[in-house]
Structure formats: C-alpha cells, structure tokens
PDB file of N, CA and C in Angstrom:
ATOM      1  N   MET A   1      60.742 118.086  54.042  1.00  0.00           N
ATOM      2  CA  MET A   1      59.513 118.237  54.790  1.00  0.00           C
ATOM      3  C   MET A   1      59.373 117.041  55.724  1.00  0.00           C
ATOM      4  N   GLU A   2      58.953 117.298  56.944  1.00  0.00           N
ATOM      5  CA  GLU A   2      58.792 116.243  57.936  1.00  0.00           C
ATOM      6  C   GLU A   2      57.418 116.384  58.588  1.00  0.00           C
ATOM      7  N   SER A   3      56.786 115.247  58.869  1.00  0.00           N
ATOM      8  CA  SER A   3      55.496 115.211  59.566  1.00  0.00           C
ATOM      9  C   SER A   3      55.593 114.227  60.717  1.00  0.00           C
ATOM     10  N   PHE A   4      55.006 114.610  61.855  1.00  0.00           N
ATOM     11  CA  PHE A   4      54.976 113.727  63.012  1.00  0.00           C
ATOM     12  C   PHE A   4      53.878 114.175  63.966  1.00  0.00           C
ATOM     13  N   SER A   5      53.567 113.335  64.948  1.00  0.00           N
ATOM     14  CA  SER A   5      52.519 113.626  65.931  1.00  0.00           C
ATOM     15  C   SER A   5      53.017 113.314  67.329  1.00  0.00           C
ATOM     16  N   PHE A   6      52.458 114.041  68.290  1.00  0.00           N
ATOM     17  CA  PHE A   6      52.664 113.773  69.711  1.00  0.00           C
ATOM     18  C   PHE A   6      51.288 113.691  70.362  1.00  0.00           C
ATOM     19  N   GLU A   7      51.174 112.887  71.392  1.00  0.00           N
ATOM     20  CA  GLU A   7      49.914 112.751  72.104  1.00  0.00           C
ATOM     21  C   GLU A   7      50.191 112.768  73.604  1.00  0.00           C
ATOM     22  N   THR A   8      49.330 113.452  74.344  1.00  0.00           N
ATOM     23  CA  THR A   8      49.477 113.520  75.794  1.00  0.00           C
ATOM     24  C   THR A   8      48.102 113.670  76.435  1.00  0.00           C
ATOM     25  N   LYS A   9      48.029 113.486  77.745  1.00  0.00           N
ATOM     26  CA  LYS A   9      46.760 113.626  78.458  1.00  0.00           C
ATOM     27  C   LYS A   9      46.382 115.091  78.599  1.00  0.00           C
ATOM     28  N   GLY A  10      45.079 115.327  78.633  1.00  0.00           N
ATOM     29  CA  GLY A  10      44.542 116.663  78.856  1.00  0.00           C
ATOM     30  C   GLY A  10      43.256 116.567  79.644  1.00  0.00           C
ATOM     31  N   ASN A  11      42.794 117.701  80.183  1.00  0.00           N
ATOM     32  CA  ASN A  11      41.529 117.679  80.914  1.00  0.00           C
ATOM     33  C   ASN A  11      40.726 118.966  80.785  1.00  0.00           C
ATOM     34  N   GLN A  12      41.220 119.948  80.047  1.00  0.00           N
ATOM     35  CA  GLN A  12      40.529 121.220  79.905  1.00  0.00           C
ATOM     36  C   GLN A  12      39.815 121.264  78.549  1.00  0.00           C
ATOM     37  N   ILE A  13      38.487 121.303  78.595  1.00  0.00           N
ATOM     38  CA  ILE A  13      37.676 121.330  77.384  1.00  0.00           C
ATOM     39  C   ILE A  13      37.669 122.747  76.802  1.00  0.00           C
ATOM     40  N   LEU A  14      37.776 122.840  75.495  1.00  0.00           N
ATOM     41  CA  LEU A  14      37.765 124.138  74.822  1.00  0.00           C
ATOM     42  C   LEU A  14      36.393 124.435  74.234  1.00  0.00           C
ATOM     43  N   ASN A  15      36.109 125.724  74.032  1.00  0.00           N
ATOM     44  CA  ASN A  15      34.793 126.152  73.558  1.00  0.00           C
ATOM     45  C   ASN A  15      34.640 126.111  72.045  1.00  0.00           C
ATOM     46  N   GLN A  16      35.724 126.326  71.319  1.00  0.00           N
ATOM     47  CA  GLN A  16      35.592 126.449  69.869  1.00  0.00           C
ATOM     48  C   GLN A  16      36.924 126.213  69.181  1.00  0.00           C
ATOM     49  N   ARG A  17      36.876 126.180  67.865  1.00  0.00           N
ATOM     50  CA  ARG A  17      38.077 126.079  67.041  1.00  0.00           C
ATOM     51  C   ARG A  17      38.789 127.420  67.022  1.00  0.00           C
ATOM     52  N   SER A  18      40.064 127.364  66.627  1.00  0.00           N
ATOM     53  CA  SER A  18      40.791 128.612  66.410  1.00  0.00           C
ATOM     54  C   SER A  18      41.864 128.405  65.350  1.00  0.00           C
ATOM     55  N   HIS A  19      42.305 129.527  64.774  1.00  0.00           N
ATOM     56  CA  HIS A  19      43.336 129.507  63.739  1.00  0.00           C
ATOM     57  C   HIS A  19      44.127 130.798  63.858  1.00  0.00           C
ATOM     58  N   VAL A  20      45.448 130.681  63.998  1.00  0.00           N
ATOM     59  CA  VAL A  20      46.322 131.851  64.043  1.00  0.00           C
ATOM     60  C   VAL A  20      47.557 131.594  63.199  1.00  0.00           C
ATOM     61  N   GLY A  21      48.174 132.686  62.749  1.00  0.00           N
ATOM     62  CA  GLY A  21      49.429 132.598  62.021  1.00  0.00           C
ATOM     63  C   GLY A  21      49.251 132.253  60.559  1.00  0.00           C
ATOM     64  N   VAL A  22      50.376 132.285  59.868  1.00  0.00           N
ATOM     65  CA  VAL A  22      50.433 131.936  58.455  1.00  0.00           C
ATOM     66  C   VAL A  22      51.695 131.114  58.219  1.00  0.00           C
ATOM     67  N   VAL A  23      51.656 130.287  57.203  1.00  0.00           N
ATOM     68  CA  VAL A  23      52.848 129.533  56.848  1.00  0.00           C
ATOM     69  C   VAL A  23      53.657 130.429  55.921  1.00  0.00           C
ATOM     70  N   GLY A  24      54.759 130.903  56.412  1.00  0.00           N
ATOM     71  CA  GLY A  24      55.639 131.769  55.635  1.00  0.00           C
ATOM     72  C   GLY A  24      57.025 131.697  56.229  1.00  0.00           C
ATOM     73  N   SER A  25      57.950 132.337  55.624  1.00  0.00           N
ATOM     74  CA  SER A  25      59.335 132.285  56.057  1.00  0.00           C
ATOM     75  C   SER A  25      59.469 132.607  57.537  1.00  0.00           C
ATOM     76  N   GLY A  26      59.928 131.648  58.308  1.00  0.00           N
ATOM     77  CA  GLY A  26      60.158 131.837  59.730  1.00  0.00           C
ATOM     78  C   GLY A  26      58.910 131.898  60.573  1.00  0.00           C
ATOM     79  N   ASP A  27      57.775 131.448  60.078  1.00  0.00           N
ATOM     80  CA  ASP A  27      56.537 131.507  60.847  1.00  0.00           C
ATOM     81  C   ASP A  27      55.792 130.178  60.736  1.00  0.00           C
ATOM     82  N   LEU A  28      54.625 130.126  61.333  1.00  0.00           N
ATOM     83  CA  LEU A  28      53.808 128.921  61.281  1.00  0.00           C
ATOM     84  C   LEU A  28      52.362 129.270  61.528  1.00  0.00           C
ATOM     85  N   GLU A  29      51.474 128.324  61.218  1.00  0.00           N
ATOM     86  CA  GLU A  29      50.068 128.473  61.570  1.00  0.00           C
ATOM     87  C   GLU A  29      49.696 127.375  62.544  1.00  0.00           C
ATOM     88  N   VAL A  30      48.773 127.717  63.443  1.00  0.00           N
ATOM     89  CA  VAL A  30      48.281 126.782  64.441  1.00  0.00           C
ATOM     90  C   VAL A  30      46.767 126.721  64.313  1.00  0.00           C
ATOM     91  N   LEU A  31      46.239 125.506  64.207  1.00  0.00           N
ATOM     92  CA  LEU A  31      44.808 125.271  64.188  1.00  0.00           C
ATOM     93  C   LEU A  31      44.462 124.405  65.393  1.00  0.00           C
ATOM     94  N   ILE A  32      43.510 124.841  66.192  1.00  0.00           N
ATOM     95  CA  ILE A  32      43.071 124.067  67.360  1.00  0.00           C
ATOM     96  C   ILE A  32      41.616 123.677  67.157  1.00  0.00           C
ATOM     97  N   GLU A  33      41.329 122.399  67.366  1.00  0.00           N
ATOM     98  CA  GLU A  33      39.961 121.901  67.353  1.00  0.00           C
ATOM     99  C   GLU A  33      39.689 121.226  68.686  1.00  0.00           C
ATOM    100  N   PRO A  34      38.550 121.533  69.327  1.00  0.00           N
ATOM    101  CA  PRO A  34      38.223 120.849  70.575  1.00  0.00           C
ATOM    102  C   PRO A  34      38.255 119.342  70.362  1.00  0.00           C
ATOM    103  N   GLY A  35      38.789 118.633  71.329  1.00  0.00           N
ATOM    104  CA  GLY A  35      38.935 117.188  71.201  1.00  0.00           C
ATOM    105  C   GLY A  35      38.048 116.419  72.150  1.00  0.00           C
ATOM    106  N   ASN A  36      38.354 115.152  72.283  1.00  0.00           N
ATOM    107  CA  ASN A  36      37.645 114.280  73.204  1.00  0.00           C
ATOM    108  C   ASN A  36      38.633 113.238  73.728  1.00  0.00           C
ATOM    109  N   ASN A  37      38.174 112.339  74.519  1.00  0.00           N
ATOM    110  CA  ASN A  37      38.991 111.251  75.057  1.00  0.00           C
ATOM    111  C   ASN A  37      40.117 111.736  75.967  1.00  0.00           C
ATOM    112  N   ASN A  38      39.974 112.925  76.555  1.00  0.00           N
ATOM    113  CA  ASN A  38      40.939 113.429  77.538  1.00  0.00           C
ATOM    114  C   ASN A  38      42.382 113.377  77.061  1.00  0.00           C
ATOM    115  N   LYS A  39      42.601 113.834  75.834  1.00  0.00           N
ATOM    116  CA  LYS A  39      43.974 113.883  75.338  1.00  0.00           C
ATOM    117  C   LYS A  39      44.163 115.054  74.381  1.00  0.00           C
ATOM    118  N   ALA A  40      45.398 115.422  74.236  1.00  0.00           N
ATOM    119  CA  ALA A  40      45.793 116.429  73.249  1.00  0.00           C
ATOM    120  C   ALA A  40      46.647 115.721  72.205  1.00  0.00           C
ATOM    121  N   ILE A  41      46.344 115.992  70.965  1.00  0.00           N
ATOM    122  CA  ILE A  41      47.110 115.435  69.851  1.00  0.00           C
ATOM    123  C   ILE A  41      47.714 116.607  69.085  1.00  0.00           C
ATOM    124  N   PHE A  42      49.019 116.590  68.931  1.00  0.00           N
ATOM    125  CA  PHE A  42      49.741 117.613  68.183  1.00  0.00           C
ATOM    126  C   PHE A  42      50.201 116.985  66.869  1.00  0.00           C
ATOM    127  N   ASN A  43      49.709 117.508  65.757  1.00  0.00           N
ATOM    128  CA  ASN A  43      50.124 117.066  64.425  1.00  0.00           C
ATOM    129  C   ASN A  43      50.974 118.165  63.812  1.00  0.00           C
ATOM    130  N   VAL A  44      52.213 117.834  63.467  1.00  0.00           N
ATOM    131  CA  VAL A  44      53.162 118.836  62.978  1.00  0.00           C
ATOM    132  C   VAL A  44      53.603 118.496  61.564  1.00  0.00           C
ATOM    133  N   ARG A  45      53.591 119.506  60.706  1.00  0.00           N
ATOM    134  CA  ARG A  45      54.220 119.445  59.384  1.00  0.00           C
ATOM    135  C   ARG A  45      55.221 120.591  59.345  1.00  0.00           C
ATOM    136  N   THR A  46      56.495 120.263  59.130  1.00  0.00           N
ATOM    137  CA  THR A  46      57.524 121.283  59.206  1.00  0.00           C
ATOM    138  C   THR A  46      58.532 121.167  58.066  1.00  0.00           C
ATOM    139  N   ALA A  47      59.060 122.312  57.682  1.00  0.00           N
ATOM    140  CA  ALA A  47      60.111 122.353  56.678  1.00  0.00           C
ATOM    141  C   ALA A  47      61.479 122.077  57.297  1.00  0.00           C
ATOM    142  N   SER A  48      61.575 122.134  58.627  1.00  0.00           N
ATOM    143  CA  SER A  48      62.845 121.920  59.336  1.00  0.00           C
ATOM    144  C   SER A  48      62.882 120.508  59.903  1.00  0.00           C
ATOM    145  N   GLU A  49      63.732 119.687  59.357  1.00  0.00           N
ATOM    146  CA  GLU A  49      63.807 118.290  59.789  1.00  0.00           C
ATOM    147  C   GLU A  49      64.765 118.109  60.958  1.00  0.00           C
ATOM    148  N   GLY A  50      64.473 117.105  61.793  1.00  0.00           N
ATOM    149  CA  GLY A  50      65.388 116.714  62.859  1.00  0.00           C
ATOM    150  C   GLY A  50      65.206 117.426  64.183  1.00  0.00           C
ATOM    151  N   PHE A  51      64.066 118.074  64.399  1.00  0.00           N
ATOM    152  CA  PHE A  51      63.855 118.834  65.634  1.00  0.00           C
ATOM    153  C   PHE A  51      62.709 118.282  66.477  1.00  0.00           C
ATOM    154  N   GLN A  52      62.409 117.001  66.364  1.00  0.00           N
ATOM    155  CA  GLN A  52      61.278 116.432  67.101  1.00  0.00           C
ATOM    156  C   GLN A  52      61.421 116.597  68.610  1.00  0.00           C
ATOM    157  N   GLU A  53      62.598 116.457  69.143  1.00  0.00           N
ATOM    158  CA  GLU A  53      62.789 116.603  70.597  1.00  0.00           C
ATOM    159  C   GLU A  53      62.528 118.045  71.044  1.00  0.00           C
ATOM    160  N   THR A  54      62.887 119.008  70.215  1.00  0.00           N
ATOM    161  CA  THR A  54      62.611 120.411  70.530  1.00  0.00           C
ATOM    162  C   THR A  54      61.110 120.662  70.524  1.00  0.00           C
ATOM    163  N   TRP A  55      60.429 120.161  69.495  1.00  0.00           N
ATOM    164  CA  TRP A  55      58.969 120.289  69.437  1.00  0.00           C
ATOM    165  C   TRP A  55      58.335 119.655  70.674  1.00  0.00           C
ATOM    166  N   LYS A  56      58.778 118.462  71.015  1.00  0.00           N
ATOM    167  CA  LYS A  56      58.216 117.761  72.167  1.00  0.00           C
ATOM    168  C   LYS A  56      58.378 118.587  73.437  1.00  0.00           C
ATOM    169  N   ALA A  57      59.532 119.207  73.630  1.00  0.00           N
ATOM    170  CA  ALA A  57      59.770 120.027  74.818  1.00  0.00           C
ATOM    171  C   ALA A  57      58.822 121.228  74.855  1.00  0.00           C
ATOM    172  N   VAL A  58      58.595 121.868  73.702  1.00  0.00           N
ATOM    173  CA  VAL A  58      57.670 123.004  73.649  1.00  0.00           C
ATOM    174  C   VAL A  58      56.253 122.540  73.995  1.00  0.00           C
ATOM    175  N   PHE A  59      55.826 121.403  73.451  1.00  0.00           N
ATOM    176  CA  PHE A  59      54.479 120.893  73.723  1.00  0.00           C
ATOM    177  C   PHE A  59      54.322 120.480  75.181  1.00  0.00           C
ATOM    178  N   GLU A  60      55.335 119.860  75.750  1.00  0.00           N
ATOM    179  CA  GLU A  60      55.261 119.457  77.162  1.00  0.00           C
ATOM    180  C   GLU A  60      55.131 120.683  78.062  1.00  0.00           C
ATOM    181  N   ARG A  61      55.888 121.724  77.776  1.00  0.00           N
ATOM    182  CA  ARG A  61      55.795 122.966  78.558  1.00  0.00           C
ATOM    183  C   ARG A  61      54.398 123.580  78.413  1.00  0.00           C
ATOM    184  N   PHE A  62      53.880 123.608  77.199  1.00  0.00           N
ATOM    185  CA  PHE A  62      52.539 124.132  76.943  1.00  0.00           C
ATOM    186  C   PHE A  62      51.489 123.337  77.725  1.00  0.00           C
ATOM    187  N   MET A  63      51.584 122.020  77.696  1.00  0.00           N
ATOM    188  CA  MET A  63      50.595 121.174  78.367  1.00  0.00           C
ATOM    189  C   MET A  63      50.744 121.202  79.885  1.00  0.00           C
ATOM    190  N   ASP A  64      51.937 121.438  80.400  1.00  0.00           N
ATOM    191  CA  ASP A  64      52.110 121.574  81.846  1.00  0.00           C
ATOM    192  C   ASP A  64      51.259 122.723  82.377  1.00  0.00           C
ATOM    193  N   ILE A  65      51.081 123.741  81.573  1.00  0.00           N
ATOM    194  CA  ILE A  65      50.320 124.921  81.977  1.00  0.00           C
ATOM    195  C   ILE A  65      48.844 124.807  81.610  1.00  0.00           C
ATOM    196  N   ASN A  66      48.538 124.206  80.466  1.00  0.00           N
ATOM    197  CA  ASN A  66      47.188 124.306  79.904  1.00  0.00           C
ATOM    198  C   ASN A  66      46.357 123.030  79.931  1.00  0.00           C
ATOM    199  N   GLU A  67      46.924 121.879  79.777  1.00  0.00           N
ATOM    200  CA  GLU A  67      46.223 120.587  79.845  1.00  0.00           C
ATOM    201  C   GLU A  67      44.945 120.536  79.009  1.00  0.00           C
ATOM    202  N   VAL A  68      45.006 121.034  77.778  1.00  0.00           N
ATOM    203  CA  VAL A  68      43.815 121.078  76.924  1.00  0.00           C
ATOM    204  C   VAL A  68      43.490 119.714  76.328  1.00  0.00           C
ATOM    205  N   VAL A  69      42.222 119.553  76.013  1.00  0.00           N
ATOM    206  CA  VAL A  69      41.739 118.396  75.265  1.00  0.00           C
ATOM    207  C   VAL A  69      41.460 118.917  73.859  1.00  0.00           C
ATOM    208  N   ALA A  70      42.343 118.581  72.917  1.00  0.00           N
ATOM    209  CA  ALA A  70      42.236 119.176  71.582  1.00  0.00           C
ATOM    210  C   ALA A  70      43.092 118.430  70.581  1.00  0.00           C
ATOM    211  N   THR A  71      42.776 118.681  69.320  1.00  0.00           N
ATOM    212  CA  THR A  71      43.672 118.307  68.230  1.00  0.00           C
ATOM    213  C   THR A  71      44.293 119.604  67.734  1.00  0.00           C
ATOM    214  N   ILE A  72      45.611 119.668  67.780  1.00  0.00           N
ATOM    215  CA  ILE A  72      46.341 120.876  67.418  1.00  0.00           C
ATOM    216  C   ILE A  72      47.194 120.560  66.193  1.00  0.00           C
ATOM    217  N   THR A  73      46.913 121.251  65.109  1.00  0.00           N
ATOM    218  CA  THR A  73      47.646 121.054  63.865  1.00  0.00           C
ATOM    219  C   THR A  73      48.560 122.249  63.649  1.00  0.00           C
ATOM    220  N   ILE A  74      49.829 121.956  63.379  1.00  0.00           N
ATOM    221  CA  ILE A  74      50.819 123.012  63.167  1.00  0.00           C
ATOM    222  C   ILE A  74      51.466 122.805  61.810  1.00  0.00           C
ATOM    223  N   ASN A  75      51.437 123.858  61.013  1.00  0.00           N
ATOM    224  CA  ASN A  75      52.122 123.892  59.729  1.00  0.00           C
ATOM    225  C   ASN A  75      53.232 124.920  59.855  1.00  0.00           C
ATOM    226  N   ASP A  76      54.482 124.459  59.779  1.00  0.00           N
ATOM    227  CA  ASP A  76      55.637 125.274  60.130  1.00  0.00           C
ATOM    228  C   ASP A  76      56.550 125.524  58.934  1.00  0.00           C
ATOM    229  N   PHE A  77      57.137 126.718  58.925  1.00  0.00           N
ATOM    230  CA  PHE A  77      58.143 127.042  57.920  1.00  0.00           C
ATOM    231  C   PHE A  77      59.350 127.654  58.609  1.00  0.00           C
ATOM    232  N   GLY A  78      59.879 126.954  59.611  1.00  0.00           N
ATOM    233  CA  GLY A  78      61.118 127.369  60.256  1.00  0.00           C
ATOM    234  C   GLY A  78      60.963 128.282  61.448  1.00  0.00           C
ATOM    235  N   ALA A  79      59.837 128.254  62.131  1.00  0.00           N
ATOM    236  CA  ALA A  79      59.638 129.098  63.306  1.00  0.00           C
ATOM    237  C   ALA A  79      60.526 128.643  64.462  1.00  0.00           C
ATOM    238  N   THR A  80      60.927 129.600  65.289  1.00  0.00           N
ATOM    239  CA  THR A  80      61.713 129.289  66.488  1.00  0.00           C
ATOM    240  C   THR A  80      60.781 128.765  67.579  1.00  0.00           C
ATOM    241  N   PRO A  81      61.324 128.096  68.600  1.00  0.00           N
ATOM    242  CA  PRO A  81      60.480 127.631  69.707  1.00  0.00           C
ATOM    243  C   PRO A  81      59.688 128.765  70.368  1.00  0.00           C
ATOM    244  N   GLY A  82      60.258 129.946  70.453  1.00  0.00           N
ATOM    245  CA  GLY A  82      59.538 131.086  71.029  1.00  0.00           C
ATOM    246  C   GLY A  82      58.317 131.471  70.225  1.00  0.00           C
ATOM    247  N   VAL A  83      58.439 131.444  68.904  1.00  0.00           N
ATOM    248  CA  VAL A  83      57.302 131.746  68.035  1.00  0.00           C
ATOM    249  C   VAL A  83      56.246 130.654  68.153  1.00  0.00           C
ATOM    250  N   VAL A  84      56.673 129.409  68.252  1.00  0.00           N
ATOM    251  CA  VAL A  84      55.723 128.300  68.420  1.00  0.00           C
ATOM    252  C   VAL A  84      54.916 128.498  69.703  1.00  0.00           C
ATOM    253  N   ALA A  85      55.598 128.800  70.804  1.00  0.00           N
ATOM    254  CA  ALA A  85      54.919 129.014  72.085  1.00  0.00           C
ATOM    255  C   ALA A  85      53.943 130.185  71.996  1.00  0.00           C
ATOM    256  N   LEU A  86      54.350 131.266  71.334  1.00  0.00           N
ATOM    257  CA  LEU A  86      53.480 132.433  71.174  1.00  0.00           C
ATOM    258  C   LEU A  86      52.236 132.082  70.379  1.00  0.00           C
ATOM    259  N   ARG A  87      52.393 131.403  69.257  1.00  0.00           N
ATOM    260  CA  ARG A  87      51.246 131.040  68.425  1.00  0.00           C
ATOM    261  C   ARG A  87      50.313 130.066  69.159  1.00  0.00           C
ATOM    262  N   LEU A  88      50.867 129.133  69.904  1.00  0.00           N
ATOM    263  CA  LEU A  88      50.022 128.224  70.690  1.00  0.00           C
ATOM    264  C   LEU A  88      49.194 129.013  71.700  1.00  0.00           C
ATOM    265  N   ALA A  89      49.817 129.961  72.389  1.00  0.00           N
ATOM    266  CA  ALA A  89      49.105 130.786  73.374  1.00  0.00           C
ATOM    267  C   ALA A  89      48.012 131.611  72.711  1.00  0.00           C
ATOM    268  N   GLN A  90      48.308 132.186  71.546  1.00  0.00           N
ATOM    269  CA  GLN A  90      47.310 132.976  70.825  1.00  0.00           C
ATOM    270  C   GLN A  90      46.123 132.109  70.410  1.00  0.00           C
ATOM    271  N   ALA A  91      46.400 130.951  69.857  1.00  0.00           N
ATOM    272  CA  ALA A  91      45.328 130.058  69.410  1.00  0.00           C
ATOM    273  C   ALA A  91      44.492 129.584  70.587  1.00  0.00           C
ATOM    274  N   LEU A  92      45.132 129.299  71.698  1.00  0.00           N
ATOM    275  CA  LEU A  92      44.402 128.847  72.884  1.00  0.00           C
ATOM    276  C   LEU A  92      43.500 129.953  73.417  1.00  0.00           C
ATOM    277  N   GLU A  93      43.968 131.174  73.425  1.00  0.00           N
ATOM    278  CA  GLU A  93      43.147 132.294  73.897  1.00  0.00           C
ATOM    279  C   GLU A  93      41.857 132.403  73.080  1.00  0.00           C
ATOM    280  N   ILE A  94      41.971 132.256  71.772  1.00  0.00           N
ATOM    281  CA  ILE A  94      40.785 132.308  70.910  1.00  0.00           C
ATOM    282  C   ILE A  94      39.875 131.113  71.177  1.00  0.00           C
ATOM    283  N   ALA A  95      40.449 129.935  71.314  1.00  0.00           N
ATOM    284  CA  ALA A  95      39.647 128.718  71.519  1.00  0.00           C
ATOM    285  C   ALA A  95      38.913 128.721  72.850  1.00  0.00           C
ATOM    286  N   LYS A  96      39.385 129.492  73.811  1.00  0.00           N
ATOM    287  CA  LYS A  96      38.723 129.579  75.125  1.00  0.00           C
ATOM    288  C   LYS A  96      37.609 130.600  75.168  1.00  0.00           C
ATOM    289  N   GLN A  97      37.513 131.460  74.162  1.00  0.00           N
ATOM    290  CA  GLN A  97      36.493 132.497  74.160  1.00  0.00           C
ATOM    291  C   GLN A  97      35.118 131.859  73.999  1.00  0.00           C
ATOM    292  N   ASN A  98      34.132 132.498  74.580  1.00  0.00           N
ATOM    293  CA  ASN A  98      32.753 132.023  74.433  1.00  0.00           C
ATOM    294  C   ASN A  98      32.189 132.455  73.108  1.00  0.00           C
ATOM    295  N   LYS A  99      31.493 131.552  72.457  1.00  0.00           N
ATOM    296  CA  LYS A  99      30.784 131.909  71.216  1.00  0.00           C
ATOM    297  C   LYS A  99      29.560 132.740  71.589  1.00  0.00           C
ATOM    298  N   ASP A 100      29.336 133.781  70.840  1.00  0.00           N
ATOM    299  CA  ASP A 100      28.142 134.607  71.089  1.00  0.00           C
ATOM    300  C   ASP A 100      27.102 134.381  70.030  1.00  0.00           C
TER     301      ASP A 100
END
C-alpha cells in the first residue's frame, strides 16, 4: 500500500462535495471537497506501488482542463489511468451541480 499527495494551483470554486466509485478490484473511489487557498490537493492511497509519475500526469491533465480549488481524496485498488480520469470527471460533474 502506498500513500502520497500532489498539490497544484486552482481557481475554480466548487459548489459541494461529491463521492463516486468504490474501492474494489480494478477500481477506485474519488471524494471531492471544495477547498480554499487557490489550490488543489490530491491525496492518494493505492494498492499499486511505484506509479507516482503516472498519477501526477493524470492530475496535471485534469487540472489543465478544470483548475479546481478542492481537496481530492482517491482510494485506489489498481485502476487504470483511464478509469482514474473517468472517476475524476464524474466526481467533478457532481461537485459542480447546484444544491437545491
């Protein structure tokens, strides 16, 4: 098991928290909480060790498009980069919705 964090600048404020996915074979869960201080913090816990550069590339691509201000927690059990990108997009869509 490996844990690590990445931090980058952001400028898009989110409306609410979100949670998508499950921790299971080949999948992951993503939790997004609106942040502050104009930054995004990615906290990762993964069963696959030695892939920090791959994670960083996925997060950089995500932030190039979205620039969110949030704390993003990821609990992973061997998801591919494509699944990570999909779950991030799903969680962001929920976090951008207006609360009624």
